[in-house]
Amino acid sequence: MINKKHITGIVLAGGKSSRMGTDKGFLRLNEKTFIQHSIDALKPLVSKIIIVSDNPDYDTLGYKRVTDTIKNAGPVAGICSGLEASKTDYNLVLSCDIPLIKTKILEKLIINTDTDPDIVQIESHGKTMPLIALYKKRCGRVFSNLLKNDERRLRMVVNQCRVKNIPLDHHDMNATTNVNTKEELKQLEDAHND
């Protein structure tokens, strides 16, 4: 397995959260903020954590924070900024709206990487998840070039890189649930209180 000193954790906490009406990273599940769930899942596997957000409130967590170089360009810009700020070849990228994520899921990305793919991403419920993925730093160039050409669609950019998908076992799939609305958060809370 790749030594953690060669891996940086990049948490994407940008985004307007228009459907939620508030910054998703600070929402809580089981007494812990969403961003803390992401950080806790990453910590055992990485040497450094970078938070990509324009919100200075994240500085209280004590990690390096970078802002999007190109504003309002979604996760493509967030990943690009994170990769530019990273000093390591390997980068675990995670959005901050996946509060059930576990270290063992992220570990699958590291175990399954090899020299060939630029991106190793989770596949869950038949969908690829570029926001639960291991990116090589060299992808930054592809992201940067496409951003400059006004490409904002993450899947489009990812598909310009060499990608490997890691399908999850059925019992691990709920760990990739992302929360976009107050209703989804309530469903998650209810499921955890049963």
N, C-alpha and C. Protein backbone atom coordinates (compact mmCIF):
# COMPACT_ATOMS: atom_id res chain seq x y z
N MET A 1 0.85 -1.19 0.00
CA MET A 1 0.00 0.00 0.00
C MET A 1 0.89 1.25 0.00
N ILE A 2 0.42 2.33 -0.62
CA ILE A 2 1.20 3.56 -0.69
C ILE A 2 1.36 4.13 0.72
N ASN A 3 2.57 4.55 1.05
CA ASN A 3 2.82 5.16 2.35
C ASN A 3 2.04 6.47 2.47
N LYS A 4 1.46 6.68 3.65
CA LYS A 4 0.61 7.87 3.80
C LYS A 4 1.37 9.17 3.61
N LYS A 5 2.69 9.14 3.75
CA LYS A 5 3.43 10.40 3.55
C LYS A 5 3.38 10.86 2.08
N HIS A 6 2.97 9.95 1.18
CA HIS A 6 2.83 10.31 -0.23
C HIS A 6 1.39 10.67 -0.61
N ILE A 7 0.51 10.77 0.40
CA ILE A 7 -0.92 11.01 0.12
C ILE A 7 -1.40 12.24 0.89
N THR A 8 -2.10 13.12 0.18
CA THR A 8 -2.76 14.27 0.80
C THR A 8 -4.26 14.05 0.72
N GLY A 9 -4.97 14.44 1.76
CA GLY A 9 -6.43 14.40 1.73
C GLY A 9 -6.95 15.77 1.31
N ILE A 10 -7.83 15.79 0.33
CA ILE A 10 -8.41 17.06 -0.14
C ILE A 10 -9.92 16.99 0.08
N VAL A 11 -10.43 17.87 0.95
CA VAL A 11 -11.87 17.89 1.23
C VAL A 11 -12.48 19.09 0.50
N LEU A 12 -13.44 18.80 -0.37
CA LEU A 12 -14.11 19.87 -1.11
C LEU A 12 -15.29 20.38 -0.27
N ALA A 13 -15.14 21.59 0.24
CA ALA A 13 -16.19 22.15 1.09
C ALA A 13 -16.69 23.45 0.49
N GLY A 14 -16.46 23.61 -0.81
CA GLY A 14 -16.97 24.81 -1.49
C GLY A 14 -18.43 24.58 -1.79
N GLY A 15 -18.89 25.20 -2.78
CA GLY A 15 -20.28 24.94 -3.17
C GLY A 15 -21.24 25.83 -2.42
N LYS A 16 -22.27 26.19 -3.11
CA LYS A 16 -23.23 27.13 -2.53
C LYS A 16 -24.26 26.43 -1.65
N SER A 17 -24.39 25.11 -1.81
CA SER A 17 -25.42 24.37 -1.06
C SER A 17 -26.78 25.04 -1.21
N SER A 18 -27.13 25.40 -2.44
CA SER A 18 -28.38 26.14 -2.65
C SER A 18 -29.60 25.32 -2.22
N ARG A 19 -29.52 24.00 -2.41
CA ARG A 19 -30.69 23.17 -2.02
C ARG A 19 -30.80 23.02 -0.51
N MET A 20 -29.66 23.17 0.19
CA MET A 20 -29.65 23.01 1.64
C MET A 20 -29.88 24.34 2.34
N GLY A 21 -29.47 25.42 1.69
CA GLY A 21 -29.66 26.74 2.29
C GLY A 21 -28.60 27.11 3.32
N THR A 22 -27.60 26.25 3.51
CA THR A 22 -26.54 26.52 4.48
C THR A 22 -25.29 25.77 4.05
N ASP A 23 -24.15 26.09 4.64
CA ASP A 23 -22.90 25.42 4.28
C ASP A 23 -22.95 23.97 4.77
N LYS A 24 -22.92 23.03 3.83
CA LYS A 24 -23.13 21.61 4.18
C LYS A 24 -22.07 21.07 5.14
N GLY A 25 -20.85 21.58 5.03
CA GLY A 25 -19.77 21.06 5.87
C GLY A 25 -20.05 21.18 7.36
N PHE A 26 -20.87 22.17 7.73
CA PHE A 26 -21.15 22.40 9.15
C PHE A 26 -22.46 21.76 9.62
N LEU A 27 -23.15 21.06 8.73
CA LEU A 27 -24.32 20.29 9.17
C LEU A 27 -23.83 19.18 10.08
N ARG A 28 -24.73 18.68 10.93
CA ARG A 28 -24.31 17.66 11.90
C ARG A 28 -25.06 16.35 11.71
N LEU A 29 -24.33 15.28 11.93
CA LEU A 29 -24.94 13.95 12.02
C LEU A 29 -24.24 13.26 13.18
N ASN A 30 -25.01 12.72 14.11
CA ASN A 30 -24.45 12.09 15.31
C ASN A 30 -23.47 13.01 16.04
N GLU A 31 -23.89 14.25 16.27
CA GLU A 31 -23.09 15.21 17.05
C GLU A 31 -21.78 15.64 16.39
N LYS A 32 -21.58 15.29 15.13
CA LYS A 32 -20.32 15.63 14.48
C LYS A 32 -20.62 16.32 13.15
N THR A 33 -19.85 17.37 12.81
CA THR A 33 -20.10 18.05 11.54
C THR A 33 -19.75 17.13 10.38
N PHE A 34 -20.40 17.41 9.24
CA PHE A 34 -20.12 16.61 8.04
C PHE A 34 -18.64 16.64 7.70
N ILE A 35 -18.04 17.84 7.78
CA ILE A 35 -16.63 17.93 7.38
C ILE A 35 -15.75 17.12 8.32
N GLN A 36 -16.15 17.06 9.59
CA GLN A 36 -15.36 16.26 10.55
C GLN A 36 -15.45 14.77 10.20
N HIS A 37 -16.62 14.33 9.74
CA HIS A 37 -16.76 12.93 9.30
C HIS A 37 -15.77 12.64 8.16
N SER A 38 -15.68 13.59 7.20
CA SER A 38 -14.75 13.42 6.07
C SER A 38 -13.30 13.39 6.56
N ILE A 39 -12.95 14.33 7.43
CA ILE A 39 -11.58 14.41 7.94
C ILE A 39 -11.23 13.13 8.71
N ASP A 40 -12.15 12.67 9.54
CA ASP A 40 -11.87 11.46 10.34
C ASP A 40 -11.66 10.23 9.46
N ALA A 41 -12.40 10.16 8.34
CA ALA A 41 -12.23 9.02 7.42
C ALA A 41 -10.87 9.10 6.72
N LEU A 42 -10.42 10.31 6.41
CA LEU A 42 -9.16 10.50 5.68
C LEU A 42 -7.93 10.34 6.56
N LYS A 43 -8.02 10.84 7.78
CA LYS A 43 -6.84 11.00 8.65
C LYS A 43 -5.89 9.80 8.74
N PRO A 44 -6.41 8.57 8.92
CA PRO A 44 -5.47 7.44 9.05
C PRO A 44 -4.68 7.15 7.77
N LEU A 45 -5.09 7.72 6.63
CA LEU A 45 -4.51 7.34 5.34
C LEU A 45 -3.62 8.42 4.72
N VAL A 46 -3.64 9.63 5.29
CA VAL A 46 -2.95 10.75 4.64
C VAL A 46 -1.99 11.45 5.59
N SER A 47 -1.03 12.18 5.00
CA SER A 47 -0.08 12.92 5.82
C SER A 47 -0.53 14.36 6.05
N LYS A 48 -1.34 14.88 5.12
CA LYS A 48 -1.81 16.27 5.24
C LYS A 48 -3.25 16.33 4.76
N ILE A 49 -3.96 17.34 5.26
CA ILE A 49 -5.33 17.57 4.80
C ILE A 49 -5.45 19.01 4.32
N ILE A 50 -6.04 19.17 3.15
CA ILE A 50 -6.31 20.50 2.59
C ILE A 50 -7.82 20.63 2.44
N ILE A 51 -8.36 21.75 2.89
CA ILE A 51 -9.79 22.03 2.71
C ILE A 51 -9.92 23.06 1.60
N VAL A 52 -10.74 22.76 0.61
CA VAL A 52 -10.97 23.71 -0.48
C VAL A 52 -12.31 24.41 -0.22
N SER A 53 -12.23 25.69 0.16
CA SER A 53 -13.45 26.45 0.46
C SER A 53 -13.12 27.93 0.52
N ASP A 54 -14.11 28.75 0.17
CA ASP A 54 -13.95 30.20 0.33
C ASP A 54 -14.39 30.64 1.72
N ASN A 55 -14.91 29.71 2.52
CA ASN A 55 -15.47 30.06 3.82
C ASN A 55 -14.38 30.03 4.91
N PRO A 56 -14.02 31.19 5.47
CA PRO A 56 -12.96 31.24 6.48
C PRO A 56 -13.32 30.53 7.79
N ASP A 57 -14.61 30.21 7.98
CA ASP A 57 -15.01 29.48 9.21
C ASP A 57 -14.29 28.14 9.32
N TYR A 58 -13.89 27.57 8.18
CA TYR A 58 -13.19 26.28 8.22
C TYR A 58 -11.79 26.39 8.83
N ASP A 59 -11.27 27.63 8.93
CA ASP A 59 -9.92 27.80 9.48
C ASP A 59 -9.85 27.35 10.94
N THR A 60 -10.99 27.35 11.64
CA THR A 60 -11.00 26.94 13.04
C THR A 60 -10.60 25.46 13.19
N LEU A 61 -10.67 24.69 12.10
CA LEU A 61 -10.32 23.26 12.17
C LEU A 61 -8.80 23.05 12.18
N GLY A 62 -8.06 24.09 11.80
CA GLY A 62 -6.60 24.00 11.89
C GLY A 62 -5.90 23.36 10.69
N TYR A 63 -6.60 23.22 9.57
CA TYR A 63 -5.98 22.65 8.37
C TYR A 63 -5.75 23.75 7.35
N LYS A 64 -4.84 23.48 6.42
CA LYS A 64 -4.60 24.43 5.33
C LYS A 64 -5.89 24.55 4.52
N ARG A 65 -6.28 25.78 4.22
CA ARG A 65 -7.48 26.01 3.40
C ARG A 65 -7.06 26.76 2.15
N VAL A 66 -7.54 26.29 1.00
CA VAL A 66 -7.29 27.01 -0.25
C VAL A 66 -8.64 27.35 -0.88
N THR A 67 -8.63 28.41 -1.67
CA THR A 67 -9.87 28.81 -2.33
C THR A 67 -9.80 28.41 -3.80
N ASP A 68 -10.96 28.38 -4.44
CA ASP A 68 -11.00 28.06 -5.87
C ASP A 68 -10.31 29.17 -6.66
N THR A 69 -9.43 28.78 -7.55
CA THR A 69 -8.76 29.78 -8.38
C THR A 69 -9.76 30.40 -9.35
N ILE A 70 -10.69 29.59 -9.83
CA ILE A 70 -11.76 30.11 -10.69
C ILE A 70 -13.07 29.95 -9.92
N LYS A 71 -13.75 31.05 -9.67
CA LYS A 71 -14.95 31.02 -8.83
C LYS A 71 -16.16 30.45 -9.57
N ASN A 72 -17.05 29.86 -8.79
CA ASN A 72 -18.34 29.34 -9.29
C ASN A 72 -18.18 28.34 -10.43
N ALA A 73 -17.11 27.55 -10.37
CA ALA A 73 -16.90 26.56 -11.44
C ALA A 73 -17.06 25.14 -10.89
N GLY A 74 -17.65 25.02 -9.71
CA GLY A 74 -18.00 23.70 -9.17
C GLY A 74 -16.80 22.84 -8.80
N PRO A 75 -17.05 21.54 -8.70
CA PRO A 75 -16.00 20.62 -8.24
C PRO A 75 -14.78 20.54 -9.15
N VAL A 76 -14.93 20.87 -10.43
CA VAL A 76 -13.76 20.85 -11.32
C VAL A 76 -12.73 21.84 -10.80
N ALA A 77 -13.19 23.05 -10.44
CA ALA A 77 -12.28 24.07 -9.91
C ALA A 77 -11.76 23.66 -8.53
N GLY A 78 -12.62 23.06 -7.73
CA GLY A 78 -12.21 22.64 -6.38
C GLY A 78 -11.10 21.61 -6.42
N ILE A 79 -11.26 20.61 -7.28
CA ILE A 79 -10.24 19.56 -7.40
C ILE A 79 -8.96 20.17 -7.97
N CYS A 80 -9.10 21.04 -8.95
CA CYS A 80 -7.95 21.70 -9.57
C CYS A 80 -7.15 22.48 -8.51
N SER A 81 -7.84 23.27 -7.69
CA SER A 81 -7.18 24.06 -6.65
C SER A 81 -6.52 23.16 -5.61
N GLY A 82 -7.21 22.08 -5.24
CA GLY A 82 -6.64 21.15 -4.26
C GLY A 82 -5.38 20.48 -4.78
N LEU A 83 -5.41 20.04 -6.05
CA LEU A 83 -4.25 19.37 -6.63
C LEU A 83 -3.08 20.35 -6.79
N GLU A 84 -3.39 21.60 -7.12
CA GLU A 84 -2.32 22.60 -7.24
C GLU A 84 -1.65 22.85 -5.89
N ALA A 85 -2.44 22.83 -4.82
CA ALA A 85 -1.90 23.11 -3.48
C ALA A 85 -1.18 21.91 -2.88
N SER A 86 -1.47 20.72 -3.39
CA SER A 86 -0.90 19.49 -2.82
C SER A 86 0.58 19.35 -3.20
N LYS A 87 1.34 18.76 -2.26
CA LYS A 87 2.76 18.51 -2.52
C LYS A 87 3.03 17.02 -2.76
N THR A 88 1.97 16.21 -2.78
CA THR A 88 2.16 14.76 -2.92
C THR A 88 1.63 14.26 -4.26
N ASP A 89 2.15 13.12 -4.68
CA ASP A 89 1.72 12.52 -5.95
C ASP A 89 0.29 12.01 -5.90
N TYR A 90 -0.11 11.49 -4.72
CA TYR A 90 -1.43 10.87 -4.58
C TYR A 90 -2.30 11.76 -3.70
N ASN A 91 -3.56 11.86 -4.08
CA ASN A 91 -4.48 12.75 -3.38
C ASN A 91 -5.85 12.12 -3.27
N LEU A 92 -6.29 11.92 -2.04
CA LEU A 92 -7.63 11.38 -1.81
C LEU A 92 -8.59 12.56 -1.78
N VAL A 93 -9.50 12.60 -2.75
CA VAL A 93 -10.45 13.71 -2.86
C VAL A 93 -11.82 13.25 -2.37
N LEU A 94 -12.41 14.08 -1.53
CA LEU A 94 -13.68 13.73 -0.90
C LEU A 94 -14.53 14.98 -0.79
N SER A 95 -15.80 14.88 -1.16
CA SER A 95 -16.67 16.04 -0.93
C SER A 95 -17.14 15.97 0.52
N CYS A 96 -17.58 17.11 1.05
CA CYS A 96 -17.89 17.14 2.49
C CYS A 96 -19.35 16.79 2.77
N ASP A 97 -20.07 16.24 1.77
CA ASP A 97 -21.49 15.95 2.01
C ASP A 97 -21.77 14.44 2.02
N ILE A 98 -20.75 13.68 2.46
CA ILE A 98 -20.88 12.22 2.51
C ILE A 98 -20.58 11.76 3.94
N PRO A 99 -21.48 12.07 4.89
CA PRO A 99 -21.15 11.89 6.31
C PRO A 99 -20.99 10.44 6.77
N LEU A 100 -21.41 9.47 5.96
CA LEU A 100 -21.27 8.07 6.38
C LEU A 100 -19.98 7.43 5.86
N ILE A 101 -19.14 8.22 5.20
CA ILE A 101 -17.92 7.67 4.59
C ILE A 101 -17.01 7.08 5.66
N LYS A 102 -16.35 5.98 5.32
CA LYS A 102 -15.48 5.28 6.28
C LYS A 102 -14.08 5.14 5.70
N THR A 103 -13.11 5.06 6.58
CA THR A 103 -11.71 4.89 6.17
C THR A 103 -11.55 3.65 5.29
N LYS A 104 -12.26 2.57 5.62
CA LYS A 104 -12.05 1.31 4.86
C LYS A 104 -12.50 1.45 3.40
N ILE A 105 -13.44 2.35 3.12
CA ILE A 105 -13.86 2.60 1.73
C ILE A 105 -12.73 3.31 0.99
N LEU A 106 -12.16 4.33 1.64
CA LEU A 106 -11.07 5.10 1.02
C LEU A 106 -9.82 4.23 0.84
N GLU A 107 -9.64 3.31 1.76
CA GLU A 107 -8.49 2.40 1.69
C GLU A 107 -8.55 1.55 0.42
N LYS A 108 -9.75 1.20 -0.01
CA LYS A 108 -9.91 0.40 -1.24
C LYS A 108 -9.30 1.13 -2.44
N LEU A 109 -9.40 2.45 -2.44
CA LEU A 109 -8.85 3.25 -3.54
C LEU A 109 -7.33 3.13 -3.57
N ILE A 110 -6.73 3.17 -2.39
CA ILE A 110 -5.27 3.12 -2.29
C ILE A 110 -4.77 1.72 -2.65
N ILE A 111 -5.45 0.71 -2.13
CA ILE A 111 -5.04 -0.68 -2.39
C ILE A 111 -5.12 -0.99 -3.88
N ASN A 112 -6.12 -0.41 -4.55
CA ASN A 112 -6.37 -0.75 -5.96
C ASN A 112 -5.68 0.17 -6.96
N THR A 113 -4.84 1.06 -6.48
CA THR A 113 -4.16 1.93 -7.43
C THR A 113 -2.90 1.25 -7.95
N ASP A 114 -2.52 1.62 -9.15
CA ASP A 114 -1.26 1.13 -9.71
C ASP A 114 -0.70 2.24 -10.58
N THR A 115 0.32 1.95 -11.35
CA THR A 115 0.99 3.04 -12.08
C THR A 115 0.12 3.61 -13.20
N ASP A 116 -0.80 2.83 -13.71
CA ASP A 116 -1.50 3.26 -14.91
C ASP A 116 -2.56 4.35 -14.71
N PRO A 117 -3.58 4.12 -13.87
CA PRO A 117 -4.66 5.12 -13.83
C PRO A 117 -4.24 6.44 -13.19
N ASP A 118 -4.83 7.53 -13.70
CA ASP A 118 -4.65 8.86 -13.10
C ASP A 118 -5.63 9.03 -11.94
N ILE A 119 -6.78 8.38 -12.09
CA ILE A 119 -7.86 8.52 -11.10
C ILE A 119 -8.40 7.12 -10.79
N VAL A 120 -8.53 6.83 -9.50
CA VAL A 120 -9.21 5.60 -9.07
C VAL A 120 -10.43 6.06 -8.30
N GLN A 121 -11.63 5.70 -8.80
CA GLN A 121 -12.85 6.21 -8.16
C GLN A 121 -13.77 5.07 -7.73
N ILE A 122 -14.55 5.36 -6.71
CA ILE A 122 -15.52 4.39 -6.20
C ILE A 122 -16.71 4.31 -7.17
N GLU A 123 -17.24 3.12 -7.29
CA GLU A 123 -18.49 2.93 -8.03
C GLU A 123 -19.50 2.33 -7.05
N SER A 124 -20.65 2.99 -6.93
CA SER A 124 -21.64 2.56 -5.95
C SER A 124 -23.03 2.69 -6.58
N HIS A 125 -23.87 1.70 -6.38
CA HIS A 125 -25.21 1.70 -6.98
C HIS A 125 -25.12 1.92 -8.50
N GLY A 126 -24.07 1.38 -9.13
CA GLY A 126 -23.92 1.49 -10.57
C GLY A 126 -23.45 2.86 -11.05
N LYS A 127 -23.13 3.77 -10.12
CA LYS A 127 -22.69 5.12 -10.49
C LYS A 127 -21.24 5.32 -10.09
N THR A 128 -20.47 5.98 -10.95
CA THR A 128 -19.10 6.31 -10.57
C THR A 128 -19.12 7.55 -9.69
N MET A 129 -18.16 7.62 -8.79
CA MET A 129 -18.13 8.70 -7.79
C MET A 129 -16.80 9.44 -7.82
N PRO A 130 -16.68 10.41 -8.72
CA PRO A 130 -15.41 11.15 -8.81
C PRO A 130 -15.11 12.02 -7.58
N LEU A 131 -16.09 12.12 -6.66
CA LEU A 131 -15.85 12.88 -5.42
C LEU A 131 -15.55 11.96 -4.25
N ILE A 132 -15.32 10.66 -4.55
CA ILE A 132 -14.72 9.73 -3.59
C ILE A 132 -13.67 9.01 -4.42
N ALA A 133 -12.49 9.62 -4.53
CA ALA A 133 -11.53 9.11 -5.51
C ALA A 133 -10.09 9.48 -5.13
N LEU A 134 -9.17 8.71 -5.68
CA LEU A 134 -7.74 8.98 -5.53
C LEU A 134 -7.25 9.58 -6.85
N TYR A 135 -6.70 10.77 -6.78
CA TYR A 135 -6.21 11.49 -7.97
C TYR A 135 -4.70 11.60 -7.92
N LYS A 136 -4.05 11.33 -9.02
CA LYS A 136 -2.62 11.63 -9.11
C LYS A 136 -2.47 13.12 -9.38
N LYS A 137 -1.43 13.70 -8.83
CA LYS A 137 -1.23 15.15 -8.96
C LYS A 137 -1.19 15.59 -10.42
N ARG A 138 -0.69 14.70 -11.29
CA ARG A 138 -0.57 15.08 -12.71
C ARG A 138 -1.92 15.38 -13.38
N CYS A 139 -3.02 14.92 -12.80
CA CYS A 139 -4.35 15.25 -13.35
C CYS A 139 -4.61 16.74 -13.31
N GLY A 140 -3.93 17.43 -12.41
CA GLY A 140 -4.16 18.86 -12.25
C GLY A 140 -4.05 19.62 -13.56
N ARG A 141 -3.10 19.18 -14.40
CA ARG A 141 -2.89 19.86 -15.69
C ARG A 141 -4.14 19.74 -16.58
N VAL A 142 -4.70 18.52 -16.62
CA VAL A 142 -5.91 18.28 -17.43
C VAL A 142 -7.05 19.14 -16.91
N PHE A 143 -7.22 19.15 -15.59
CA PHE A 143 -8.31 19.94 -14.97
C PHE A 143 -8.12 21.43 -15.29
N SER A 144 -6.89 21.90 -15.13
CA SER A 144 -6.59 23.31 -15.36
C SER A 144 -6.86 23.71 -16.81
N ASN A 145 -6.40 22.89 -17.75
CA ASN A 145 -6.61 23.21 -19.18
C ASN A 145 -8.08 23.24 -19.54
N LEU A 146 -8.83 22.24 -19.05
CA LEU A 146 -10.26 22.19 -19.40
C LEU A 146 -11.04 23.33 -18.72
N LEU A 147 -10.64 23.68 -17.50
CA LEU A 147 -11.27 24.81 -16.81
C LEU A 147 -11.09 26.09 -17.61
N LYS A 148 -9.86 26.27 -18.11
CA LYS A 148 -9.58 27.49 -18.90
C LYS A 148 -10.42 27.52 -20.17
N ASN A 149 -10.82 26.34 -20.64
CA ASN A 149 -11.71 26.28 -21.81
C ASN A 149 -13.17 26.22 -21.41
N ASP A 150 -13.43 26.61 -20.16
CA ASP A 150 -14.81 26.75 -19.68
C ASP A 150 -15.55 25.44 -19.46
N GLU A 151 -14.83 24.34 -19.31
CA GLU A 151 -15.50 23.05 -19.04
C GLU A 151 -15.79 22.96 -17.54
N ARG A 152 -17.06 22.77 -17.19
CA ARG A 152 -17.47 22.71 -15.78
C ARG A 152 -18.00 21.33 -15.37
N ARG A 153 -18.15 20.45 -16.35
CA ARG A 153 -18.77 19.14 -16.04
C ARG A 153 -17.69 18.18 -15.56
N LEU A 154 -17.80 17.78 -14.31
CA LEU A 154 -16.77 16.95 -13.70
C LEU A 154 -16.56 15.63 -14.44
N ARG A 155 -17.64 14.96 -14.80
CA ARG A 155 -17.49 13.66 -15.48
C ARG A 155 -16.76 13.81 -16.81
N MET A 156 -17.03 14.92 -17.48
CA MET A 156 -16.38 15.20 -18.75
C MET A 156 -14.86 15.32 -18.57
N VAL A 157 -14.47 16.03 -17.50
CA VAL A 157 -13.04 16.23 -17.23
C VAL A 157 -12.39 14.92 -16.80
N VAL A 158 -13.07 14.21 -15.90
CA VAL A 158 -12.54 12.92 -15.42
C VAL A 158 -12.29 11.97 -16.59
N ASN A 159 -13.20 11.99 -17.55
CA ASN A 159 -13.07 11.07 -18.69
C ASN A 159 -11.92 11.41 -19.63
N GLN A 160 -11.29 12.56 -19.43
CA GLN A 160 -10.09 12.89 -20.20
C GLN A 160 -8.83 12.28 -19.57
N CYS A 161 -9.00 11.70 -18.40
CA CYS A 161 -7.89 11.07 -17.67
C CYS A 161 -8.05 9.54 -17.76
N ARG A 162 -7.01 8.82 -17.37
CA ARG A 162 -7.14 7.35 -17.31
C ARG A 162 -7.77 6.99 -15.97
N VAL A 163 -8.89 6.31 -16.04
CA VAL A 163 -9.70 6.08 -14.84
C VAL A 163 -9.87 4.59 -14.57
N LYS A 164 -9.85 4.25 -13.29
CA LYS A 164 -10.15 2.88 -12.86
C LYS A 164 -11.29 2.98 -11.85
N ASN A 165 -12.32 2.14 -12.01
CA ASN A 165 -13.46 2.14 -11.09
C ASN A 165 -13.37 0.98 -10.11
N ILE A 166 -13.70 1.25 -8.87
CA ILE A 166 -13.69 0.20 -7.83
C ILE A 166 -15.12 0.01 -7.34
N PRO A 167 -15.81 -1.04 -7.81
CA PRO A 167 -17.19 -1.26 -7.36
C PRO A 167 -17.22 -1.68 -5.89
N LEU A 168 -18.17 -1.14 -5.16
CA LEU A 168 -18.31 -1.49 -3.74
C LEU A 168 -19.20 -2.71 -3.58
N ASP A 169 -18.96 -3.46 -2.53
CA ASP A 169 -19.87 -4.54 -2.15
C ASP A 169 -21.19 -3.90 -1.73
N HIS A 170 -22.24 -4.67 -1.87
CA HIS A 170 -23.58 -4.17 -1.57
C HIS A 170 -23.66 -3.56 -0.16
N HIS A 171 -23.05 -4.23 0.83
CA HIS A 171 -23.20 -3.76 2.22
C HIS A 171 -22.40 -2.49 2.52
N ASP A 172 -21.51 -2.07 1.59
CA ASP A 172 -20.75 -0.83 1.80
C ASP A 172 -21.38 0.37 1.10
N MET A 173 -22.41 0.14 0.30
CA MET A 173 -22.91 1.21 -0.56
C MET A 173 -23.51 2.39 0.20
N ASN A 174 -24.09 2.14 1.38
CA ASN A 174 -24.71 3.28 2.08
C ASN A 174 -23.66 4.29 2.55
N ALA A 175 -22.38 3.87 2.63
CA ALA A 175 -21.31 4.78 3.06
C ALA A 175 -21.08 5.91 2.07
N THR A 176 -21.62 5.77 0.85
CA THR A 176 -21.38 6.80 -0.17
C THR A 176 -22.58 7.74 -0.32
N THR A 177 -23.56 7.62 0.56
CA THR A 177 -24.75 8.47 0.47
C THR A 177 -24.37 9.93 0.62
N ASN A 178 -24.75 10.75 -0.36
CA ASN A 178 -24.47 12.17 -0.16
C ASN A 178 -25.78 12.90 0.12
N VAL A 179 -25.64 14.00 0.87
CA VAL A 179 -26.80 14.71 1.39
C VAL A 179 -26.88 16.08 0.74
N ASN A 180 -27.97 16.33 0.03
CA ASN A 180 -28.13 17.61 -0.66
C ASN A 180 -29.29 18.46 -0.16
N THR A 181 -30.24 17.80 0.53
CA THR A 181 -31.43 18.55 0.96
C THR A 181 -31.70 18.26 2.44
N LYS A 182 -32.52 19.11 3.04
CA LYS A 182 -32.90 18.91 4.46
C LYS A 182 -33.64 17.58 4.62
N GLU A 183 -34.43 17.21 3.60
CA GLU A 183 -35.18 15.94 3.66
C GLU A 183 -34.21 14.75 3.72
N GLU A 184 -33.17 14.81 2.88
CA GLU A 184 -32.19 13.71 2.87
C GLU A 184 -31.46 13.61 4.21
N LEU A 185 -31.18 14.76 4.81
CA LEU A 185 -30.52 14.75 6.12
C LEU A 185 -31.44 14.13 7.16
N LYS A 186 -32.71 14.50 7.10
CA LYS A 186 -33.67 13.94 8.07
C LYS A 186 -33.79 12.43 7.91
N GLN A 187 -33.84 11.95 6.66
CA GLN A 187 -33.90 10.49 6.43
C GLN A 187 -32.70 9.78 7.04
N LEU A 188 -31.54 10.41 6.90
CA LEU A 188 -30.31 9.83 7.42
C LEU A 188 -30.34 9.78 8.93
N GLU A 189 -30.79 10.90 9.54
CA GLU A 189 -30.88 10.96 11.01
C GLU A 189 -31.86 9.91 11.52
N ASP A 190 -33.00 9.80 10.83
CA ASP A 190 -34.02 8.83 11.26
C ASP A 190 -33.48 7.42 11.18
N ALA A 191 -32.75 7.13 10.10
CA ALA A 191 -32.18 5.78 9.92
C ALA A 191 -31.18 5.46 11.02
N HIS A 192 -30.47 6.50 11.48
CA HIS A 192 -29.45 6.27 12.51
C HIS A 192 -30.02 6.23 13.91
N ASN A 193 -31.25 6.72 14.06
CA ASN A 193 -31.86 6.72 15.39
C ASN A 193 -32.75 5.51 15.61
N ASP A 194 -32.95 4.73 14.55
CA ASP A 194 -33.82 3.54 14.69
C ASP A 194 -33.19 2.50 15.58
